[in-house]
Amino acid sequence: MSQPERYTWRPGPWSAVVIAVLTCAATAAADTAAQAKEILSLSGVRGGLV
């Protein structure tokens, strides 16, 4: 009952999906941070966030 290939990590089509999801999440986080920074600067709150 030894099937070592079953437990070997091999990149498949799912890995591209995971990378795409992580990239989208990172982009969304960056956009949110940029929007928050812009809103704060428009509100007159300056400093603190760089």
Protein backbone atom coordinates (compact mmCIF):
# COMPACT_ATOMS: atom_id res chain seq x y z
CA MET A 1 0.00 0.00 0.00
CA SER A 2 2.83 2.41 -0.76
CA GLN A 3 1.92 5.20 -3.15
CA PRO A 4 4.60 7.86 -2.69
CA GLU A 5 3.59 9.75 -5.82
CA ARG A 6 0.21 10.46 -4.26
CA TYR A 7 1.82 12.54 -1.49
CA THR A 8 4.37 14.26 -3.70
CA TRP A 9 3.56 17.92 -4.32
CA ARG A 10 3.27 18.52 -8.03
CA PRO A 11 2.19 21.85 -9.54
CA GLY A 12 -0.95 21.38 -11.56
CA PRO A 13 -3.64 23.59 -13.07
CA TRP A 14 -4.84 24.38 -9.55
CA SER A 15 -1.56 26.08 -8.69
CA ALA A 16 -2.18 28.69 -11.40
CA VAL A 17 -5.61 29.34 -9.89
CA VAL A 18 -4.12 29.75 -6.41
CA ILE A 19 -1.48 32.17 -7.72
CA ALA A 20 -4.16 34.15 -9.57
CA VAL A 21 -6.32 34.38 -6.44
CA LEU A 22 -3.38 35.51 -4.31
CA THR A 23 -2.41 38.08 -6.94
CA CYS A 24 -5.96 39.43 -7.06
CA ALA A 25 -6.07 39.61 -3.27
CA ALA A 26 -2.76 41.48 -3.14
CA THR A 27 -3.93 43.90 -5.84
CA ALA A 28 -7.22 44.50 -4.02
CA ALA A 29 -5.37 45.15 -0.76
CA ALA A 30 -3.05 47.63 -2.48
CA ASP A 31 -6.01 49.40 -4.11
CA THR A 32 -7.82 49.58 -0.77
CA ALA A 33 -4.75 51.02 0.94
CA ALA A 34 -4.31 53.59 -1.84
CA GLN A 35 -7.97 54.61 -1.62
CA ALA A 36 -7.85 54.90 2.16
CA LYS A 37 -4.69 57.01 1.90
CA GLU A 38 -6.32 59.25 -0.68
CA ILE A 39 -9.49 59.65 1.39
CA LEU A 40 -7.48 60.54 4.48
CA SER A 41 -5.42 63.10 2.58
CA LEU A 42 -8.59 64.63 1.09
CA SER A 43 -10.10 64.80 4.56
CA GLY A 44 -7.19 66.89 5.73
CA VAL A 45 -5.61 64.15 7.81
CA ARG A 46 -1.93 64.15 6.96
CA GLY A 47 1.00 62.18 8.32
CA GLY A 48 0.76 58.83 10.05
CA LEU A 49 0.17 56.92 6.83
CA VAL A 50 3.00 56.91 4.35
